[in-house]
Amino acid sequence: MKNDPIVDEVRNNGLALAARCNNNIEAICKVLKEREQTSGRRVVNRAPRRLIPKGS
């Protein structure tokens, strides 16, 4: 399979962030939440929906 440069860049950015946070998931989430709030972009949160099995 051929490597996709965009996928490689996204993965490398994720690995770099994890390294800066010492691979601590709580620290990674904190950094991402801070970025989310300071980005100026609109964040959409949708309420979870119950899945209905097919044939019901």
Protein backbone atom coordinates (compact mmCIF):
# COMPACT_ATOMS: atom_id res chain seq x y z
CA MET A 1 0.00 0.00 0.00
CA LYS A 2 1.27 3.45 -0.90
CA ASN A 3 1.81 5.94 1.94
CA ASP A 4 -0.43 8.98 1.95
CA PRO A 5 1.48 12.14 2.93
CA ILE A 6 -1.58 13.67 4.60
CA VAL A 7 -2.16 10.59 6.75
CA ASP A 8 1.54 10.52 7.61
CA GLU A 9 1.42 14.17 8.67
CA VAL A 10 -1.64 13.63 10.88
CA ARG A 11 -0.05 10.59 12.52
CA ASN A 12 3.24 12.41 13.08
CA ASN A 13 1.41 15.36 14.66
CA GLY A 14 -0.43 12.97 16.98
CA LEU A 15 2.79 11.24 17.97
CA ALA A 16 4.49 14.60 18.60
CA LEU A 17 1.63 15.76 20.82
CA ALA A 18 1.74 12.48 22.75
CA ALA A 19 5.49 12.85 23.22
CA ARG A 20 5.09 16.42 24.53
CA CYS A 21 2.53 15.13 27.04
CA ASN A 22 4.67 12.13 28.06
CA ASN A 23 2.05 9.81 26.55
CA ASN A 24 -0.35 10.79 29.34
CA ILE A 25 -3.88 10.57 27.93
CA GLU A 26 -5.27 13.03 30.51
CA ALA A 27 -2.65 15.62 29.56
CA ILE A 28 -3.30 15.05 25.85
CA CYS A 29 -7.06 15.57 26.34
CA LYS A 30 -6.41 18.72 28.38
CA VAL A 31 -4.22 20.21 25.63
CA LEU A 32 -6.79 19.34 22.95
CA LYS A 33 -9.66 20.86 24.99
CA GLU A 34 -7.65 24.07 25.43
CA ARG A 35 -6.96 24.21 21.69
CA GLU A 36 -10.63 23.60 20.97
CA GLN A 37 -11.70 26.51 23.17
CA THR A 38 -9.11 28.97 21.88
CA SER A 39 -9.40 28.07 18.18
CA GLY A 40 -12.36 30.34 17.51
CA ARG A 41 -14.08 27.58 15.58
CA ARG A 42 -17.62 26.46 16.26
CA VAL A 43 -17.75 23.08 17.97
CA VAL A 44 -20.80 20.91 17.32
CA ASN A 45 -21.88 18.44 19.97
CA ARG A 46 -24.72 16.16 19.11
CA ALA A 47 -26.77 14.24 21.62
CA PRO A 48 -26.27 10.47 21.43
CA ARG A 49 -28.98 8.49 19.67
CA ARG A 50 -30.17 5.00 20.52
CA LEU A 51 -29.57 2.63 17.66
CA ILE A 52 -32.58 0.67 16.50
CA PRO A 53 -31.74 -2.81 15.22
CA LYS A 54 -32.82 -3.55 11.65
CA GLY A 55 -36.00 -5.56 11.34
CA SER A 56 -37.55 -4.14 14.51
